[in-house]
Amino acid sequence: MYKKLLKAVTNLGSPRVLLVGDFLLDSYVYGDALRISPEAPVQVLKVVNRQYSCGGAGAVAVDLRALGAGCICIGAVGNDDNGKLLKEQLTELKADTSGIITLSDRPTISKQRLIGLAQHRHRQQLLRIDDECTRPFDEAEYDKILKIYTDKLSQADIVCIQDYNKGVVSQGLCCELIKLASGAGKKVLIDPPVMDDYSKYTGASLITPNRRETSNAVGFSIETVEDASRASGIIAEKLKVEAVVITLDKDGAFLHTSRTSEHIPTIPRSVYDVTGAGDMVLAMLAVSLAAGCDYTTAVQLANIAGGIEVEKFGVATVTVDEIVNEIIAENRGKGGKIHDIDTLVDVLTFHRQQKEKIVFTNGCFDVLHRGHIEFLKFCKSQGDVVVLGLNSDVSVRQIKGSGRPINNQHDRAAVLAALETVDYIVIFDEPDPLKTIEKVKPDVLVKGQDWSDKGVIGRQFVESGGGKVVLAPLVEGKSSTSTIEKMQSIQKKRSGPKDGLEAVNE
């Protein structure tokens, strides 16, 4: 299973998802909660920060973009500042917002959360203030949404409907969306709200209610895996869907299809905040199914993604690298190796407290060979913790040209993470690693001896902090470029003109 999941998540590509639903704006007001008001027995919140993020279907869009998928958004906002801000944030993520219409007779749905900070850092939600209008749209507005959907359907690989029961996904519109997508041969995934009647989702490909939503839909409480099994069969039969995925928080998920009925457990988590977990699950299901994964693999990946999300505060994204990291960590039974730079800095602080020496090196590591292995052994001999800065695909193309890399950054990171000589991996987009080096602050910077005449990038910074630069010996004749050229040469010989004997035999 480990290899299958790793292969699946590193080959997701960039599918395009047509996302229909209720888009809303989440706002967070952070403040120090230091005293009780003299006016009433309530806390006084002294504001220290405000943050805004995409919520509802918008959160799914953010998650899709974090996973590398394209996102075409269809929905509605009000003609107000919140609507403008929401569309601006989605546009900054390079999501297609041309399908989000602006309405003058209702506000942009918003949820404002007041967050108290104990001792300036421990977060606790105190209150949520919702501003919304949930009455149905008029027929002209639904017709406009349907026309946009019809025009954009051919651009998408899969369709997601994120229904918060706020007015966009009406009975009639939902049935038409599913009918049109099915006719075009595209899967339709549904994340439903708490409601008694799911009939408008009939004919969809997949529906993913949580424990509470399922209980409401089938009329009995989902307490056990057996309850989930029974409920999933009822929903599948009633709605004629290909798959039912019931998310069961700490118990993972239950998957029902015509071919399988199985419980997919999750690993124990330190749950910080469940906000946005369902959005993350829907996004991961969409991307993995669009990439050709079977339902079981897609649910396993969604389980992992949702689990990572609940360990973060608020509506947080999860990246492919984090999922790769988690899969490797589960398989190895210890902490993962692939980190973003900010997380890595925190981890390295711990190592420094243990008086451990940090070694940094960097490179493309496109086609791994003996030279790489010997080089990384040398790096490990120079200190206690080896941090490898890995050039992203964008960075490699800038350095090596459009034909490189041969292996994408997720594959390269996964292979390197399996080596005992590598402790941590951070992927960077710049052509050179200077910014990464300045954040890592290594005690030792290692490069190959071929850099002796080029000038080692980061030397001045490292040495100014009391560190040193070491040049590693190279294995003669070993490089990714020479390996790739040799493979290309062999391929050309095999595909070249046949000799006389081969021609006669044919």
Protein backbone atom coordinates (compact mmCIF):
# COMPACT_ATOMS: atom_id res chain seq x y z
CA MET A 1 0.00 0.00 0.00
CA TYR A 2 2.88 2.37 0.85
CA LYS A 3 4.36 2.23 -2.65
CA LYS A 4 0.94 2.52 -4.30
CA LEU A 5 0.03 5.63 -2.31
CA LEU A 6 3.42 7.22 -2.90
CA LYS A 7 3.17 6.57 -6.63
CA ALA A 8 -0.36 7.96 -6.74
CA VAL A 9 0.34 11.19 -4.84
CA THR A 10 3.50 11.99 -6.80
CA ASN A 11 1.67 11.58 -10.11
CA LEU A 12 -1.41 13.70 -9.51
CA GLY A 13 -0.45 16.15 -12.23
CA SER A 14 -2.55 19.31 -12.65
CA PRO A 15 -6.17 18.29 -13.31
CA ARG A 16 -8.76 21.03 -13.79
CA VAL A 17 -11.68 20.97 -11.36
CA LEU A 18 -15.01 22.70 -12.00
CA LEU A 19 -16.13 23.81 -8.54
CA VAL A 20 -19.72 24.88 -7.90
CA GLY A 21 -21.00 25.98 -4.52
CA ASP A 22 -21.44 28.53 -1.78
CA PHE A 23 -18.39 30.81 -1.68
CA LEU A 24 -17.90 32.76 1.54
CA LEU A 25 -15.30 34.86 3.32
CA ASP A 26 -13.77 33.75 6.62
CA SER A 27 -12.35 36.47 8.83
CA TYR A 28 -10.38 36.04 12.03
CA VAL A 29 -10.03 38.77 14.63
CA TYR A 30 -7.18 37.94 17.03
CA GLY A 31 -6.92 39.69 20.34
CA ASP A 32 -5.47 39.42 23.83
CA ALA A 33 -8.16 38.28 26.26
CA LEU A 34 -6.73 39.73 29.47
CA ARG A 35 -9.71 40.95 31.51
CA ILE A 36 -13.45 40.89 32.10
CA SER A 37 -15.52 43.88 31.00
CA PRO A 38 -16.83 46.14 33.78
CA GLU A 39 -20.04 46.53 31.72
CA ALA A 40 -21.00 42.84 31.62
CA PRO A 41 -19.55 39.43 32.59
CA VAL A 42 -17.80 39.00 29.23
CA GLN A 43 -14.18 38.96 28.07
CA VAL A 44 -12.63 42.09 26.61
CA LEU A 45 -10.73 41.36 23.39
CA LYS A 46 -7.92 43.78 22.59
CA VAL A 47 -7.42 43.37 18.84
CA VAL A 48 -3.86 42.61 17.72
CA ASN A 49 -4.41 41.19 14.24
CA ARG A 50 -6.99 40.51 11.52
CA GLN A 51 -6.82 37.84 8.83
CA TYR A 52 -9.08 36.95 5.92
CA SER A 53 -9.36 33.67 4.02
CA CYS A 54 -11.61 31.93 1.52
CA GLY A 55 -14.34 29.84 3.11
CA GLY A 56 -16.98 27.35 1.98
CA ALA A 57 -16.40 26.41 -1.64
CA GLY A 58 -13.62 29.00 -1.57
CA ALA A 59 -11.72 26.86 0.92
CA VAL A 60 -12.00 23.92 -1.48
CA ALA A 61 -10.56 26.14 -4.22
CA VAL A 62 -7.60 27.04 -1.99
CA ASP A 63 -7.02 23.36 -1.19
CA LEU A 64 -7.19 22.40 -4.87
CA ARG A 65 -4.59 25.01 -5.79
CA ALA A 66 -2.32 23.85 -2.93
CA LEU A 67 -2.49 20.34 -4.40
CA GLY A 68 -1.47 21.65 -7.82
CA ALA A 69 -4.90 21.45 -9.49
CA GLY A 70 -6.51 24.08 -11.64
CA CYS A 71 -9.81 25.42 -10.32
CA ILE A 72 -12.75 26.95 -12.20
CA CYS A 73 -15.10 28.58 -9.68
CA ILE A 74 -18.85 28.99 -10.14
CA GLY A 75 -20.96 30.70 -7.49
CA ALA A 76 -22.08 34.11 -6.26
CA VAL A 77 -20.96 36.97 -4.02
CA GLY A 78 -22.57 40.22 -2.96
CA ASN A 79 -21.76 43.63 -4.37
CA ASP A 80 -19.70 44.56 -1.31
CA ASP A 81 -16.15 44.80 0.04
CA ASN A 82 -16.21 41.20 1.29
CA GLY A 83 -17.12 39.96 -2.18
CA LYS A 84 -14.30 41.95 -3.78
CA LEU A 85 -11.82 40.69 -1.19
CA LEU A 86 -12.92 37.08 -1.67
CA LYS A 87 -12.52 37.26 -5.46
CA GLU A 88 -9.16 39.01 -5.10
CA GLN A 89 -7.85 36.23 -2.86
CA LEU A 90 -9.02 33.53 -5.29
CA THR A 91 -7.51 35.42 -8.22
CA GLU A 92 -4.17 35.71 -6.41
CA LEU A 93 -4.20 31.90 -6.17
CA LYS A 94 -4.72 31.78 -9.96
CA ALA A 95 -8.18 30.26 -9.62
CA ASP A 96 -10.60 31.13 -12.44
CA THR A 97 -13.20 33.45 -10.87
CA SER A 98 -14.97 34.49 -14.09
CA GLY A 99 -17.85 32.16 -13.13
CA ILE A 100 -18.56 33.92 -9.81
CA ILE A 101 -21.47 36.30 -10.38
CA THR A 102 -22.10 39.45 -8.32
CA LEU A 103 -25.57 40.01 -6.83
CA SER A 104 -26.81 43.32 -5.46
CA ASP A 105 -29.70 42.00 -3.35
CA ARG A 106 -27.70 39.94 -0.85
CA PRO A 107 -24.42 40.20 1.05
CA THR A 108 -21.36 38.05 0.51
CA ILE A 109 -21.69 35.25 3.04
CA SER A 110 -19.13 35.84 5.77
CA LYS A 111 -18.13 34.20 9.05
CA GLN A 112 -16.20 36.34 11.51
CA ARG A 113 -14.42 34.48 14.30
CA LEU A 114 -13.19 36.22 17.43
CA ILE A 115 -10.05 34.50 18.67
CA GLY A 116 -8.69 35.09 22.16
CA LEU A 117 -4.93 34.82 22.68
CA ALA A 118 -3.91 33.67 26.16
CA GLN A 119 -0.34 34.76 26.93
CA HIS A 120 -0.26 36.27 23.41
CA ARG A 121 -0.05 32.87 21.68
CA HIS A 122 -2.55 30.18 22.80
CA ARG A 123 -5.55 30.49 20.45
CA GLN A 124 -9.14 29.91 21.53
CA GLN A 125 -12.23 30.75 19.47
CA LEU A 126 -14.61 32.81 21.60
CA LEU A 127 -17.43 33.69 19.23
CA ARG A 128 -18.51 33.43 15.57
CA ILE A 129 -20.61 36.08 13.81
CA ASP A 130 -22.34 35.04 10.56
CA ASP A 131 -23.63 37.46 7.93
CA GLU A 132 -25.67 35.69 5.25
CA CYS A 133 -28.82 35.48 3.15
CA THR A 134 -29.95 31.94 2.31
CA ARG A 135 -33.15 32.50 0.35
CA PRO A 136 -33.27 30.93 -3.14
CA PHE A 137 -31.99 32.88 -6.13
CA ASP A 138 -34.44 34.00 -8.81
CA GLU A 139 -34.77 31.99 -12.02
CA ALA A 140 -32.71 34.43 -14.09
CA GLU A 141 -29.79 34.07 -11.68
CA TYR A 142 -29.97 30.27 -11.75
CA ASP A 143 -30.14 30.38 -15.56
CA LYS A 144 -26.99 32.53 -15.60
CA ILE A 145 -25.12 30.08 -13.38
CA LEU A 146 -26.26 27.15 -15.53
CA LYS A 147 -25.06 28.87 -18.71
CA ILE A 148 -21.64 29.55 -17.17
CA TYR A 149 -21.44 25.91 -16.08
CA THR A 150 -22.40 24.67 -19.55
CA ASP A 151 -19.77 26.88 -21.18
CA LYS A 152 -16.97 25.83 -18.82
CA LEU A 153 -17.73 22.10 -18.43
CA SER A 154 -15.57 21.11 -21.40
CA GLN A 155 -12.54 22.75 -19.74
CA ALA A 156 -12.72 20.52 -16.65
CA ASP A 157 -11.64 16.98 -15.84
CA ILE A 158 -14.01 16.56 -12.89
CA VAL A 159 -16.84 18.43 -11.14
CA CYS A 160 -17.17 19.24 -7.42
CA ILE A 161 -20.33 20.56 -5.77
CA GLN A 162 -19.69 22.04 -2.32
CA ASP A 163 -23.19 22.60 -0.92
CA TYR A 164 -23.54 24.62 2.28
CA ASN A 165 -27.30 25.01 1.73
CA LYS A 166 -26.92 28.79 1.33
CA GLY A 167 -28.93 29.14 -1.87
CA VAL A 168 -26.65 28.39 -4.82
CA VAL A 169 -27.22 24.63 -5.16
CA SER A 170 -30.99 24.42 -5.59
CA GLN A 171 -32.85 21.19 -6.33
CA GLY A 172 -33.43 22.04 -9.99
CA LEU A 173 -29.96 23.43 -10.65
CA CYS A 174 -28.18 20.53 -8.95
CA CYS A 175 -30.06 17.95 -11.03
CA GLU A 176 -29.10 19.80 -14.22
CA LEU A 177 -25.43 20.06 -13.18
CA ILE A 178 -25.23 16.31 -12.57
CA LYS A 179 -27.10 15.48 -15.79
CA LEU A 180 -24.83 17.65 -17.95
CA ALA A 181 -21.61 16.32 -16.35
CA SER A 182 -22.74 12.71 -16.70
CA GLY A 183 -23.56 13.31 -20.34
CA ALA A 184 -20.04 14.68 -20.82
CA GLY A 185 -18.50 11.64 -19.12
CA LYS A 186 -17.22 13.55 -16.10
CA LYS A 187 -17.45 12.47 -12.47
CA VAL A 188 -19.44 14.63 -10.05
CA LEU A 189 -18.41 14.75 -6.38
CA ILE A 190 -20.78 16.07 -3.71
CA ASP A 191 -20.06 17.43 -0.24
CA PRO A 192 -23.57 17.83 1.24
CA PRO A 193 -24.85 19.89 4.18
CA VAL A 194 -26.98 18.67 7.08
CA MET A 195 -30.40 18.06 5.50
CA ASP A 196 -33.07 15.37 5.41
CA ASP A 197 -33.52 15.03 1.66
CA TYR A 198 -30.55 14.16 -0.56
CA SER A 199 -32.63 13.45 -3.66
CA LYS A 200 -31.14 16.36 -5.62
CA TYR A 201 -27.79 14.50 -5.64
CA THR A 202 -29.24 11.44 -7.44
CA GLY A 203 -26.95 10.20 -10.20
CA ALA A 204 -23.76 11.83 -8.88
CA SER A 205 -20.54 9.82 -8.87
CA LEU A 206 -19.62 10.24 -5.20
CA ILE A 207 -21.10 11.79 -2.08
CA THR A 208 -19.07 12.38 1.08
CA PRO A 209 -21.19 13.25 4.14
CA ASN A 210 -19.66 13.33 7.61
CA ARG A 211 -20.97 11.42 10.63
CA ARG A 212 -23.59 14.02 11.59
CA GLU A 213 -24.77 14.63 8.03
CA THR A 214 -25.15 10.90 7.44
CA SER A 215 -27.11 10.41 10.65
CA ASN A 216 -29.53 13.13 9.60
CA ALA A 217 -29.95 11.73 6.08
CA VAL A 218 -30.64 8.09 7.06
CA GLY A 219 -32.53 8.67 10.28
CA PHE A 220 -30.30 6.84 12.74
CA SER A 221 -27.13 7.72 14.63
CA ILE A 222 -23.76 6.75 13.15
CA GLU A 223 -21.86 5.57 16.23
CA THR A 224 -19.90 2.60 14.89
CA VAL A 225 -18.27 1.38 11.69
CA GLU A 226 -21.16 -1.07 11.36
CA ASP A 227 -23.60 1.86 11.44
CA ALA A 228 -21.60 3.55 8.70
CA SER A 229 -21.63 0.39 6.61
CA ARG A 230 -25.40 0.11 6.86
CA ALA A 231 -25.94 3.83 6.15
CA SER A 232 -23.62 3.89 3.13
CA GLY A 233 -25.57 1.06 1.50
CA ILE A 234 -28.85 2.89 2.03
CA ILE A 235 -27.53 6.14 0.54
CA ALA A 236 -25.92 4.37 -2.44
CA GLU A 237 -29.12 2.53 -3.28
CA LYS A 238 -31.37 5.58 -2.85
CA LEU A 239 -29.21 8.02 -4.85
CA LYS A 240 -27.80 5.59 -7.43
CA VAL A 241 -24.27 6.91 -6.87
CA GLU A 242 -21.05 5.05 -7.67
CA ALA A 243 -19.47 5.67 -4.27
CA VAL A 244 -20.40 6.82 -0.78
CA VAL A 245 -17.59 8.03 1.48
CA ILE A 246 -18.68 8.65 5.07
CA THR A 247 -16.02 10.57 7.00
CA LEU A 248 -15.81 9.37 10.60
CA ASP A 249 -13.38 11.87 12.19
CA LYS A 250 -11.06 9.86 14.49
CA ASP A 251 -12.29 6.58 12.97
CA GLY A 252 -11.20 7.48 9.44
CA ALA A 253 -13.72 6.88 6.67
CA PHE A 254 -16.07 4.23 5.31
CA LEU A 255 -16.16 3.58 1.56
CA HIS A 256 -19.03 1.85 -0.23
CA THR A 257 -19.08 1.07 -3.95
CA SER A 258 -20.60 -1.70 -6.04
CA ARG A 259 -17.29 -3.57 -5.69
CA THR A 260 -16.22 -2.87 -2.13
CA SER A 261 -17.50 -1.95 1.29
CA GLU A 262 -14.58 -1.16 3.56
CA HIS A 263 -13.49 0.79 6.59
CA ILE A 264 -10.37 2.90 5.97
CA PRO A 265 -8.85 3.82 9.35
CA THR A 266 -6.69 6.83 10.07
CA ILE A 267 -3.74 7.28 12.42
CA PRO A 268 -4.34 8.93 15.83
CA ARG A 269 -4.10 12.73 15.67
CA SER A 270 -3.63 15.64 18.02
CA VAL A 271 -6.73 17.45 16.75
CA TYR A 272 -6.29 21.21 16.97
CA ASP A 273 -9.19 22.41 14.83
CA VAL A 274 -11.61 20.46 12.61
CA THR A 275 -12.52 23.58 10.59
CA GLY A 276 -12.01 22.90 6.89
CA ALA A 277 -11.32 19.16 7.15
CA GLY A 278 -14.28 18.30 4.90
CA ASP A 279 -13.13 20.81 2.29
CA MET A 280 -9.69 19.23 2.27
CA VAL A 281 -11.15 15.74 1.88
CA LEU A 282 -13.28 16.84 -1.09
CA ALA A 283 -10.31 18.52 -2.78
CA MET A 284 -8.08 15.49 -2.36
CA LEU A 285 -10.78 13.14 -3.64
CA ALA A 286 -11.27 15.35 -6.70
CA VAL A 287 -7.60 15.63 -7.59
CA SER A 288 -6.82 11.93 -7.06
CA LEU A 289 -9.88 10.66 -8.95
CA ALA A 290 -9.19 13.10 -11.81
CA ALA A 291 -5.64 11.70 -11.92
CA GLY A 292 -7.03 8.19 -12.43
CA CYS A 293 -6.86 6.76 -8.89
CA ASP A 294 -9.40 4.13 -7.87
CA TYR A 295 -11.86 4.98 -5.11
CA THR A 296 -9.95 3.13 -2.38
CA THR A 297 -6.67 4.92 -3.14
CA ALA A 298 -8.46 8.27 -3.40
CA VAL A 299 -10.10 7.82 0.01
CA GLN A 300 -6.80 6.72 1.59
CA LEU A 301 -5.12 9.89 0.31
CA ALA A 302 -8.08 12.04 1.40
CA ASN A 303 -7.87 10.45 4.86
CA ILE A 304 -4.23 11.46 5.13
CA ALA A 305 -4.85 14.99 3.85
CA GLY A 306 -7.79 15.53 6.20
CA GLY A 307 -5.76 14.21 9.11
CA ILE A 308 -2.92 16.64 8.46
CA GLU A 309 -5.41 19.52 8.15
CA VAL A 310 -7.03 19.00 11.58
CA GLU A 311 -3.63 19.37 13.25
CA LYS A 312 -3.53 22.99 12.04
CA PHE A 313 -5.50 26.00 13.25
CA GLY A 314 -8.41 27.28 11.18
CA VAL A 315 -8.94 26.53 7.51
CA ALA A 316 -5.45 25.41 6.50
CA THR A 317 -4.07 23.96 3.27
CA VAL A 318 -2.19 20.71 2.81
CA THR A 319 0.41 20.26 0.08
CA VAL A 320 1.50 17.22 -1.92
CA ASP A 321 4.88 17.39 -0.18
CA GLU A 322 3.21 17.16 3.23
CA ILE A 323 1.24 14.11 2.10
CA VAL A 324 4.41 12.50 0.71
CA ASN A 325 6.10 13.29 4.01
CA GLU A 326 3.23 11.68 5.95
CA ILE A 327 3.23 8.51 3.83
CA ILE A 328 6.96 8.09 4.29
CA ALA A 329 6.67 8.79 8.02
CA GLU A 330 3.93 6.19 8.45
CA ASN A 331 5.99 3.63 6.59
CA ARG A 332 9.20 4.38 8.49
CA GLY A 333 7.50 4.71 11.86
CA LYS A 334 9.15 8.04 12.66
CA GLY A 335 8.98 11.73 11.79
CA GLY A 336 8.97 12.66 8.14
CA LYS A 337 11.71 14.47 6.30
CA ILE A 338 10.10 16.82 3.76
CA HIS A 339 9.28 20.25 5.19
CA ASP A 340 8.48 23.76 4.07
CA ILE A 341 11.14 26.27 5.09
CA ASP A 342 9.22 27.78 8.03
CA THR A 343 8.49 24.38 9.60
CA LEU A 344 12.08 23.30 9.01
CA VAL A 345 13.43 26.35 10.84
CA ASP A 346 11.40 25.37 13.91
CA VAL A 347 12.65 21.77 13.72
CA LEU A 348 16.27 22.88 13.42
CA THR A 349 15.89 25.03 16.51
CA PHE A 350 15.34 21.82 18.47
CA HIS A 351 18.50 20.25 17.00
CA ARG A 352 20.55 23.30 17.87
CA GLN A 353 19.31 23.09 21.45
CA GLN A 354 20.80 19.58 21.50
CA LYS A 355 24.14 21.06 20.35
CA GLU A 356 23.92 19.23 17.02
CA LYS A 357 25.84 20.47 13.98
CA ILE A 358 23.69 21.38 10.95
CA VAL A 359 25.04 20.53 7.48
CA PHE A 360 23.46 21.98 4.33
CA THR A 361 23.84 21.06 0.69
CA ASN A 362 21.68 21.55 -2.36
CA GLY A 363 21.11 20.39 -5.90
CA CYS A 364 18.68 19.05 -8.50
CA PHE A 365 19.31 15.33 -7.82
CA ASP A 366 17.34 14.54 -10.97
CA VAL A 367 18.49 11.01 -11.82
CA LEU A 368 20.03 9.53 -8.68
CA HIS A 369 23.38 7.75 -9.19
CA ARG A 370 26.43 6.54 -7.24
CA GLY A 371 28.00 10.00 -7.26
CA HIS A 372 25.00 11.38 -5.36
CA ILE A 373 25.16 8.56 -2.80
CA GLU A 374 28.87 9.11 -2.10
CA PHE A 375 28.37 12.87 -1.95
CA LEU A 376 25.57 12.58 0.63
CA LYS A 377 27.67 10.15 2.70
CA PHE A 378 30.37 12.81 2.76
CA CYS A 379 27.82 15.42 3.86
CA LYS A 380 26.73 13.19 6.74
CA SER A 381 30.34 12.80 7.87
CA GLN A 382 30.58 16.59 8.33
CA GLY A 383 27.98 16.93 11.08
CA ASP A 384 24.91 15.56 12.83
CA VAL A 385 21.94 16.72 10.75
CA VAL A 386 21.96 16.92 6.94
CA VAL A 387 19.51 19.36 5.33
CA LEU A 388 19.15 18.97 1.57
CA GLY A 389 17.88 21.94 -0.42
CA LEU A 390 16.15 20.48 -3.48
CA ASN A 391 15.62 22.59 -6.60
CA SER A 392 11.92 22.59 -7.53
CA ASP A 393 10.79 21.68 -11.04
CA VAL A 394 10.54 25.39 -11.88
CA SER A 395 14.06 25.99 -10.58
CA VAL A 396 15.51 23.02 -12.49
CA ARG A 397 13.99 24.26 -15.75
CA GLN A 398 15.58 27.66 -15.18
CA ILE A 399 19.00 26.03 -14.73
CA LYS A 400 18.90 23.00 -17.05
CA GLY A 401 16.39 24.00 -19.72
CA SER A 402 12.85 22.95 -20.67
CA GLY A 403 13.73 19.24 -21.01
CA ARG A 404 14.52 18.85 -17.33
CA PRO A 405 13.85 17.59 -14.77
CA ILE A 406 13.31 13.98 -15.83
CA ASN A 407 11.69 13.22 -12.44
CA ASN A 408 9.32 15.70 -10.81
CA GLN A 409 10.13 17.31 -7.47
CA HIS A 410 7.79 15.03 -5.50
CA ASP A 411 9.42 11.87 -6.90
CA ARG A 412 12.92 13.26 -6.32
CA ALA A 413 12.08 14.26 -2.74
CA ALA A 414 10.50 10.87 -1.99
CA VAL A 415 13.56 8.97 -3.21
CA LEU A 416 15.99 11.20 -1.31
CA ALA A 417 13.88 10.94 1.86
CA ALA A 418 14.45 7.18 1.83
CA LEU A 419 18.23 7.67 2.27
CA GLU A 420 19.64 7.42 5.79
CA THR A 421 22.20 10.12 5.01
CA VAL A 422 19.47 12.73 4.49
CA ASP A 423 17.67 14.05 7.55
CA TYR A 424 15.53 16.84 6.10
CA ILE A 425 14.53 18.09 2.64
CA VAL A 426 13.29 21.54 1.72
CA ILE A 427 12.23 22.41 -1.83
CA PHE A 428 13.02 25.89 -3.17
CA ASP A 429 11.94 27.70 -6.35
CA GLU A 430 14.82 30.14 -6.81
CA PRO A 431 17.70 29.35 -9.24
CA ASP A 432 20.15 29.46 -6.33
CA PRO A 433 19.78 28.44 -2.66
CA LEU A 434 20.93 31.67 -0.97
CA LYS A 435 17.56 32.56 0.58
CA THR A 436 17.19 29.01 1.89
CA ILE A 437 20.74 29.02 3.29
CA GLU A 438 20.05 32.30 5.09
CA LYS A 439 17.04 30.73 6.83
CA VAL A 440 18.64 27.36 7.59
CA LYS A 441 21.84 29.02 8.96
CA PRO A 442 23.99 25.89 8.59
CA ASP A 443 27.18 25.26 10.53
CA VAL A 444 28.65 23.54 7.47
CA LEU A 445 27.90 24.20 3.78
CA VAL A 446 28.95 21.37 1.45
CA LYS A 447 29.37 21.57 -2.32
CA GLY A 448 31.25 19.42 -4.84
CA GLN A 449 34.86 20.16 -5.76
CA ASP A 450 33.68 21.30 -9.19
CA TRP A 451 32.53 24.51 -7.42
CA SER A 452 36.07 25.46 -6.36
CA ASP A 453 36.49 27.87 -9.28
CA LYS A 454 32.84 29.00 -9.56
CA GLY A 455 32.43 30.54 -6.14
CA VAL A 456 30.17 28.76 -3.67
CA ILE A 457 26.84 30.54 -3.23
CA GLY A 458 26.26 31.23 0.47
CA ARG A 459 29.96 31.07 1.44
CA GLN A 460 30.10 34.64 2.72
CA PHE A 461 26.90 34.24 4.78
CA VAL A 462 27.94 30.94 6.38
CA GLU A 463 31.48 32.04 7.19
CA SER A 464 30.29 35.37 8.59
CA GLY A 465 28.26 33.38 11.12
CA GLY A 466 31.22 31.26 12.19
CA GLY A 467 30.45 28.31 9.93
CA LYS A 468 32.60 26.73 7.26
CA VAL A 469 32.39 25.66 3.62
CA VAL A 470 33.64 22.21 2.63
CA LEU A 471 34.18 20.90 -0.91
CA ALA A 472 33.40 17.20 -1.34
CA PRO A 473 35.36 14.87 -3.65
CA LEU A 474 33.48 13.78 -6.76
CA VAL A 475 33.10 10.30 -8.27
CA GLU A 476 34.64 10.60 -11.73
CA GLY A 477 32.28 10.26 -14.68
CA LYS A 478 29.11 10.27 -12.57
CA SER A 479 26.48 12.97 -13.12
CA SER A 480 22.78 13.18 -13.90
CA THR A 481 23.53 14.86 -17.22
CA SER A 482 25.96 12.14 -18.37
CA THR A 483 23.53 9.43 -17.24
CA ILE A 484 20.65 11.02 -19.17
CA GLU A 485 22.84 11.47 -22.27
CA LYS A 486 23.89 7.83 -22.12
CA MET A 487 20.24 6.72 -21.87
CA GLN A 488 19.32 8.93 -24.83
CA SER A 489 22.21 7.51 -26.86
CA ILE A 490 21.09 3.93 -26.16
CA GLN A 491 17.52 4.83 -27.13
CA LYS A 492 18.70 6.35 -30.43
CA LYS A 493 20.67 3.21 -31.28
CA ARG A 494 17.66 1.00 -30.57
CA SER A 495 15.38 3.11 -32.74
CA GLY A 496 17.95 3.51 -35.58
CA PRO A 497 17.98 1.76 -39.01
CA LYS A 498 17.88 -2.04 -38.94
CA ASP A 499 20.64 -4.15 -40.50
CA GLY A 500 20.07 -6.39 -43.50
CA LEU A 501 19.38 -9.56 -41.52
CA GLU A 502 16.66 -7.83 -39.44
CA ALA A 503 15.09 -6.48 -42.63
CA VAL A 504 15.04 -9.96 -44.24
CA ASN A 505 13.53 -11.58 -41.14
CA GLU A 506 10.73 -9.02 -41.16
